[in-house]
PDB file of N, CA and C in Angstrom:
ATOM      1  N   MET A   1      -6.949   7.834 -40.236  1.00  0.00           N
ATOM      2  CA  MET A   1      -8.032   7.879 -39.268  1.00  0.00           C
ATOM      3  C   MET A   1      -7.656   7.070 -38.033  1.00  0.00           C
ATOM      4  N   PRO A   2      -8.141   7.488 -36.889  1.00  0.00           N
ATOM      5  CA  PRO A   2      -7.834   6.748 -35.657  1.00  0.00           C
ATOM      6  C   PRO A   2      -8.627   5.442 -35.562  1.00  0.00           C
ATOM      7  N   THR A   3      -8.064   4.505 -34.821  1.00  0.00           N
ATOM      8  CA  THR A   3      -8.706   3.213 -34.589  1.00  0.00           C
ATOM      9  C   THR A   3      -9.281   3.191 -33.179  1.00  0.00           C
ATOM     10  N   PHE A   4     -10.512   2.750 -33.047  1.00  0.00           N
ATOM     11  CA  PHE A   4     -11.160   2.637 -31.750  1.00  0.00           C
ATOM     12  C   PHE A   4     -11.613   1.201 -31.535  1.00  0.00           C
ATOM     13  N   ASP A   5     -11.546   0.733 -30.291  1.00  0.00           N
ATOM     14  CA  ASP A   5     -11.991  -0.611 -29.924  1.00  0.00           C
ATOM     15  C   ASP A   5     -13.410  -0.545 -29.380  1.00  0.00           C
ATOM     16  N   PHE A   6     -14.230  -1.495 -29.805  1.00  0.00           N
ATOM     17  CA  PHE A   6     -15.618  -1.558 -29.367  1.00  0.00           C
ATOM     18  C   PHE A   6     -15.948  -2.962 -28.888  1.00  0.00           C
ATOM     19  N   SER A   7     -16.979  -3.069 -28.054  1.00  0.00           N
ATOM     20  CA  SER A   7     -17.468  -4.351 -27.573  1.00  0.00           C
ATOM     21  C   SER A   7     -18.987  -4.394 -27.762  1.00  0.00           C
ATOM     22  N   CYS A   8     -19.471  -5.520 -28.241  1.00  0.00           N
ATOM     23  CA  CYS A   8     -20.909  -5.696 -28.447  1.00  0.00           C
ATOM     24  C   CYS A   8     -21.537  -6.219 -27.157  1.00  0.00           C
ATOM     25  N   HIS A   9     -22.650  -5.617 -26.743  1.00  0.00           N
ATOM     26  CA  HIS A   9     -23.337  -6.065 -25.530  1.00  0.00           C
ATOM     27  C   HIS A   9     -24.174  -7.323 -25.773  1.00  0.00           C
ATOM     28  N   GLU A  10     -24.493  -7.607 -27.009  1.00  0.00           N
ATOM     29  CA  GLU A  10     -25.332  -8.764 -27.326  1.00  0.00           C
ATOM     30  C   GLU A  10     -24.521 -10.059 -27.386  1.00  0.00           C
ATOM     31  N   CYS A  11     -23.386 -10.047 -28.111  1.00  0.00           N
ATOM     32  CA  CYS A  11     -22.617 -11.284 -28.300  1.00  0.00           C
ATOM     33  C   CYS A  11     -21.213 -11.221 -27.688  1.00  0.00           C
ATOM     34  N   ASN A  12     -20.864 -10.119 -27.029  1.00  0.00           N
ATOM     35  CA  ASN A  12     -19.561  -9.913 -26.382  1.00  0.00           C
ATOM     36  C   ASN A  12     -18.385  -9.960 -27.347  1.00  0.00           C
ATOM     37  N   HIS A  13     -18.622  -9.714 -28.615  1.00  0.00           N
ATOM     38  CA  HIS A  13     -17.560  -9.676 -29.613  1.00  0.00           C
ATOM     39  C   HIS A  13     -16.825  -8.341 -29.512  1.00  0.00           C
ATOM     40  N   GLN A  14     -15.486  -8.370 -29.514  1.00  0.00           N
ATOM     41  CA  GLN A  14     -14.693  -7.151 -29.501  1.00  0.00           C
ATOM     42  C   GLN A  14     -14.112  -6.931 -30.892  1.00  0.00           C
ATOM     43  N   PHE A  15     -14.178  -5.691 -31.370  1.00  0.00           N
ATOM     44  CA  PHE A  15     -13.712  -5.380 -32.710  1.00  0.00           C
ATOM     45  C   PHE A  15     -13.173  -3.960 -32.771  1.00  0.00           C
ATOM     46  N   GLU A  16     -12.416  -3.674 -33.824  1.00  0.00           N
ATOM     47  CA  GLU A  16     -11.866  -2.352 -34.070  1.00  0.00           C
ATOM     48  C   GLU A  16     -12.664  -1.663 -35.165  1.00  0.00           C
ATOM     49  N   HIS A  17     -12.703  -0.347 -35.085  1.00  0.00           N
ATOM     50  CA  HIS A  17     -13.401   0.431 -36.110  1.00  0.00           C
ATOM     51  C   HIS A  17     -12.577   1.674 -36.403  1.00  0.00           C
ATOM     52  N   LEU A  18     -12.372   1.978 -37.679  1.00  0.00           N
ATOM     53  CA  LEU A  18     -11.622   3.157 -38.097  1.00  0.00           C
ATOM     54  C   LEU A  18     -12.569   4.305 -38.385  1.00  0.00           C
ATOM     55  N   SER A  19     -12.641   5.275 -37.473  1.00  0.00           N
ATOM     56  CA  SER A  19     -13.482   6.441 -37.697  1.00  0.00           C
ATOM     57  C   SER A  19     -13.272   7.458 -36.595  1.00  0.00           C
ATOM     58  N   LEU A  20     -13.877   8.611 -36.779  1.00  0.00           N
ATOM     59  CA  LEU A  20     -13.875   9.622 -35.737  1.00  0.00           C
ATOM     60  C   LEU A  20     -15.037   9.339 -34.788  1.00  0.00           C
ATOM     61  N   PRO A  21     -14.848   9.569 -33.490  1.00  0.00           N
ATOM     62  CA  PRO A  21     -15.892   9.233 -32.513  1.00  0.00           C
ATOM     63  C   PRO A  21     -16.992  10.294 -32.433  1.00  0.00           C
ATOM     64  N   THR A  22     -17.804  10.405 -33.457  1.00  0.00           N
ATOM     65  CA  THR A  22     -18.898  11.369 -33.446  1.00  0.00           C
ATOM     66  C   THR A  22     -20.191  10.682 -33.013  1.00  0.00           C
ATOM     67  N   ILE A  23     -21.139  11.452 -32.585  1.00  0.00           N
ATOM     68  CA  ILE A  23     -22.429  10.896 -32.141  1.00  0.00           C
ATOM     69  C   ILE A  23     -23.143  10.218 -33.305  1.00  0.00           C
ATOM     70  N   LYS A  24     -23.108  10.818 -34.479  1.00  0.00           N
ATOM     71  CA  LYS A  24     -23.766  10.243 -35.649  1.00  0.00           C
ATOM     72  C   LYS A  24     -23.128   8.905 -36.042  1.00  0.00           C
ATOM     73  N   ALA A  25     -21.791   8.831 -36.008  1.00  0.00           N
ATOM     74  CA  ALA A  25     -21.089   7.591 -36.365  1.00  0.00           C
ATOM     75  C   ALA A  25     -21.376   6.494 -35.349  1.00  0.00           C
ATOM     76  N   LYS A  26     -21.498   6.861 -34.068  1.00  0.00           N
ATOM     77  CA  LYS A  26     -21.762   5.862 -33.032  1.00  0.00           C
ATOM     78  C   LYS A  26     -23.146   5.239 -33.213  1.00  0.00           C
ATOM     79  N   LYS A  27     -24.130   6.027 -33.640  1.00  0.00           N
ATOM     80  CA  LYS A  27     -25.473   5.499 -33.850  1.00  0.00           C
ATOM     81  C   LYS A  27     -25.522   4.533 -35.029  1.00  0.00           C
ATOM     82  N   MET A  28     -24.661   4.717 -36.027  1.00  0.00           N
ATOM     83  CA  MET A  28     -24.672   3.868 -37.212  1.00  0.00           C
ATOM     84  C   MET A  28     -23.751   2.655 -37.063  1.00  0.00           C
ATOM     85  N   LEU A  29     -22.942   2.602 -36.016  1.00  0.00           N
ATOM     86  CA  LEU A  29     -21.989   1.514 -35.841  1.00  0.00           C
ATOM     87  C   LEU A  29     -22.699   0.236 -35.414  1.00  0.00           C
ATOM     88  N   GLU A  30     -22.369  -0.868 -36.068  1.00  0.00           N
ATOM     89  CA  GLU A  30     -22.968  -2.168 -35.750  1.00  0.00           C
ATOM     90  C   GLU A  30     -21.881  -3.210 -35.564  1.00  0.00           C
ATOM     91  N   CYS A  31     -22.192  -4.232 -34.774  1.00  0.00           N
ATOM     92  CA  CYS A  31     -21.286  -5.350 -34.559  1.00  0.00           C
ATOM     93  C   CYS A  31     -21.165  -6.155 -35.846  1.00  0.00           C
ATOM     94  N   PRO A  32     -19.936  -6.493 -36.269  1.00  0.00           N
ATOM     95  CA  PRO A  32     -19.784  -7.279 -37.500  1.00  0.00           C
ATOM     96  C   PRO A  32     -20.232  -8.733 -37.357  1.00  0.00           C
ATOM     97  N   GLU A  33     -20.375  -9.236 -36.139  1.00  0.00           N
ATOM     98  CA  GLU A  33     -20.784 -10.624 -35.917  1.00  0.00           C
ATOM     99  C   GLU A  33     -22.304 -10.793 -35.912  1.00  0.00           C
ATOM    100  N   CYS A  34     -23.000  -9.948 -35.129  1.00  0.00           N
ATOM    101  CA  CYS A  34     -24.454 -10.141 -34.979  1.00  0.00           C
ATOM    102  C   CYS A  34     -25.280  -8.965 -35.500  1.00  0.00           C
ATOM    103  N   ASN A  35     -24.619  -7.933 -36.045  1.00  0.00           N
ATOM    104  CA  ASN A  35     -25.283  -6.739 -36.592  1.00  0.00           C
ATOM    105  C   ASN A  35     -26.088  -5.955 -35.562  1.00  0.00           C
ATOM    106  N   SER A  36     -25.762  -6.090 -34.293  1.00  0.00           N
ATOM    107  CA  SER A  36     -26.432  -5.334 -33.246  1.00  0.00           C
ATOM    108  C   SER A  36     -25.830  -3.937 -33.166  1.00  0.00           C
ATOM    109  N   SER A  37     -26.654  -2.957 -32.876  1.00  0.00           N
ATOM    110  CA  SER A  37     -26.152  -1.590 -32.704  1.00  0.00           C
ATOM    111  C   SER A  37     -25.896  -1.278 -31.235  1.00  0.00           C
ATOM    112  N   ASN A  38     -26.012  -2.275 -30.368  1.00  0.00           N
ATOM    113  CA  ASN A  38     -25.786  -2.102 -28.935  1.00  0.00           C
ATOM    114  C   ASN A  38     -24.303  -2.340 -28.633  1.00  0.00           C
ATOM    115  N   VAL A  39     -23.455  -1.380 -29.017  1.00  0.00           N
ATOM    116  CA  VAL A  39     -22.009  -1.495 -28.847  1.00  0.00           C
ATOM    117  C   VAL A  39     -21.504  -0.381 -27.939  1.00  0.00           C
ATOM    118  N   LYS A  40     -20.356  -0.636 -27.316  1.00  0.00           N
ATOM    119  CA  LYS A  40     -19.768   0.331 -26.396  1.00  0.00           C
ATOM    120  C   LYS A  40     -18.294   0.507 -26.740  1.00  0.00           C
ATOM    121  N   LYS A  41     -17.835   1.749 -26.712  1.00  0.00           N
ATOM    122  CA  LYS A  41     -16.425   2.035 -26.973  1.00  0.00           C
ATOM    123  C   LYS A  41     -15.611   1.629 -25.753  1.00  0.00           C
ATOM    124  N   LEU A  42     -14.512   0.924 -25.985  1.00  0.00           N
ATOM    125  CA  LEU A  42     -13.638   0.475 -24.907  1.00  0.00           C
ATOM    126  C   LEU A  42     -12.495   1.459 -24.704  1.00  0.00           C
ATOM    127  N   MET A  43     -12.012   1.529 -23.480  1.00  0.00           N
ATOM    128  CA  MET A  43     -10.834   2.328 -23.187  1.00  0.00           C
ATOM    129  C   MET A  43      -9.612   1.552 -23.664  1.00  0.00           C
ATOM    130  N   SER A  44      -8.713   2.210 -24.332  1.00  0.00           N
ATOM    131  CA  SER A  44      -7.507   1.546 -24.809  1.00  0.00           C
ATOM    132  C   SER A  44      -6.291   2.413 -24.464  1.00  0.00           C
ATOM    133  N   PRO A  45      -5.146   1.781 -24.269  1.00  0.00           N
ATOM    134  CA  PRO A  45      -3.950   2.549 -23.915  1.00  0.00           C
ATOM    135  C   PRO A  45      -3.483   3.408 -25.090  1.00  0.00           C
ATOM    136  N   PRO A  46      -2.832   4.522 -24.801  1.00  0.00           N
ATOM    137  CA  PRO A  46      -2.316   5.356 -25.889  1.00  0.00           C
ATOM    138  C   PRO A  46      -1.175   4.665 -26.613  1.00  0.00           C
ATOM    139  N   ASN A  47      -0.988   5.024 -27.851  1.00  0.00           N
ATOM    140  CA  ASN A  47       0.051   4.429 -28.674  1.00  0.00           C
ATOM    141  C   ASN A  47       1.330   5.269 -28.545  1.00  0.00           C
ATOM    142  N   ILE A  48       2.095   5.029 -27.453  1.00  0.00           N
ATOM    143  CA  ILE A  48       3.323   5.775 -27.183  1.00  0.00           C
ATOM    144  C   ILE A  48       4.497   4.804 -27.196  1.00  0.00           C
ATOM    145  N   LYS A  49       5.555   5.188 -27.881  1.00  0.00           N
ATOM    146  CA  LYS A  49       6.764   4.371 -27.917  1.00  0.00           C
ATOM    147  C   LYS A  49       7.929   5.222 -27.450  1.00  0.00           C
ATOM    148  N   PHE A  50       8.619   4.761 -26.406  1.00  0.00           N
ATOM    149  CA  PHE A  50       9.803   5.439 -25.914  1.00  0.00           C
ATOM    150  C   PHE A  50      11.019   4.809 -26.579  1.00  0.00           C
ATOM    151  N   LYS A  51      11.708   5.574 -27.405  1.00  0.00           N
ATOM    152  CA  LYS A  51      12.869   5.063 -28.119  1.00  0.00           C
ATOM    153  C   LYS A  51      14.117   5.809 -27.665  1.00  0.00           C
ATOM    154  N   GLY A  52      15.231   5.188 -27.858  1.00  0.00           N
ATOM    155  CA  GLY A  52      16.496   5.824 -27.531  1.00  0.00           C
ATOM    156  C   GLY A  52      17.112   5.197 -26.298  1.00  0.00           C
ATOM    157  N   SER A  53      18.372   5.498 -26.099  1.00  0.00           N
ATOM    158  CA  SER A  53      19.075   4.895 -24.973  1.00  0.00           C
ATOM    159  C   SER A  53      18.886   5.738 -23.722  1.00  0.00           C
ATOM    160  N   GLY A  54      18.439   5.113 -22.672  1.00  0.00           N
ATOM    161  CA  GLY A  54      18.373   5.753 -21.361  1.00  0.00           C
ATOM    162  C   GLY A  54      17.384   6.880 -21.228  1.00  0.00           C
ATOM    163  N   PHE A  55      16.170   6.710 -21.704  1.00  0.00           N
ATOM    164  CA  PHE A  55      15.165   7.770 -21.548  1.00  0.00           C
ATOM    165  C   PHE A  55      14.984   8.122 -20.080  1.00  0.00           C
ATOM    166  N   TYR A  56      14.828   7.128 -19.233  1.00  0.00           N
ATOM    167  CA  TYR A  56      14.626   7.372 -17.803  1.00  0.00           C
ATOM    168  C   TYR A  56      15.896   7.929 -17.178  1.00  0.00           C
ATOM    169  N   VAL A  57      17.045   7.374 -17.513  1.00  0.00           N
ATOM    170  CA  VAL A  57      18.305   7.797 -16.905  1.00  0.00           C
ATOM    171  C   VAL A  57      18.615   9.250 -17.266  1.00  0.00           C
ATOM    172  N   ASN A  58      18.381   9.625 -18.492  1.00  0.00           N
ATOM    173  CA  ASN A  58      18.720  10.973 -18.922  1.00  0.00           C
ATOM    174  C   ASN A  58      17.736  12.034 -18.445  1.00  0.00           C
ATOM    175  N   ASP A  59      16.481  11.701 -18.328  1.00  0.00           N
ATOM    176  CA  ASP A  59      15.463  12.720 -18.077  1.00  0.00           C
ATOM    177  C   ASP A  59      14.893  12.739 -16.672  1.00  0.00           C
ATOM    178  N   SER A  60      15.029  11.676 -15.896  1.00  0.00           N
ATOM    179  CA  SER A  60      14.329  11.632 -14.622  1.00  0.00           C
ATOM    180  C   SER A  60      15.230  11.508 -13.397  1.00  0.00           C
ATOM    181  N   LYS A  61      16.520  11.357 -13.567  1.00  0.00           N
ATOM    182  CA  LYS A  61      17.427  11.243 -12.415  1.00  0.00           C
ATOM    183  C   LYS A  61      18.285  12.495 -12.298  1.00  0.00           C
ATOM    184  N   ASP A  62      18.757  12.729 -11.089  1.00  0.00           N
ATOM    185  CA  ASP A  62      19.726  13.818 -10.928  1.00  0.00           C
ATOM    186  C   ASP A  62      21.130  13.287 -11.231  1.00  0.00           C
ATOM    187  N   GLY A  63      22.116  14.155 -11.238  1.00  0.00           N
ATOM    188  CA  GLY A  63      23.454  13.779 -11.663  1.00  0.00           C
ATOM    189  C   GLY A  63      24.273  12.987 -10.645  1.00  0.00           C
ATOM    190  N   LYS A  64      23.733  12.611  -9.501  1.00  0.00           N
ATOM    191  CA  LYS A  64      24.513  11.910  -8.476  1.00  0.00           C
ATOM    192  C   LYS A  64      24.683  10.444  -8.746  1.00  0.00           C
TER     193      LYS A  64
END
């Protein structure tokens, strides 16, 4: 399951939650610190890893 980051509007606690982002799941989600349901999903960077030698050199430059 995917991991999503959330922030509580009541106590400003940030936490992770493992679930699908459905409307029903969002209504049942509560802050683990204060049990408030006033939480917001945070934007997080994608989990991308560039491996290998010279990804930029091989794919983005011309031969000169």
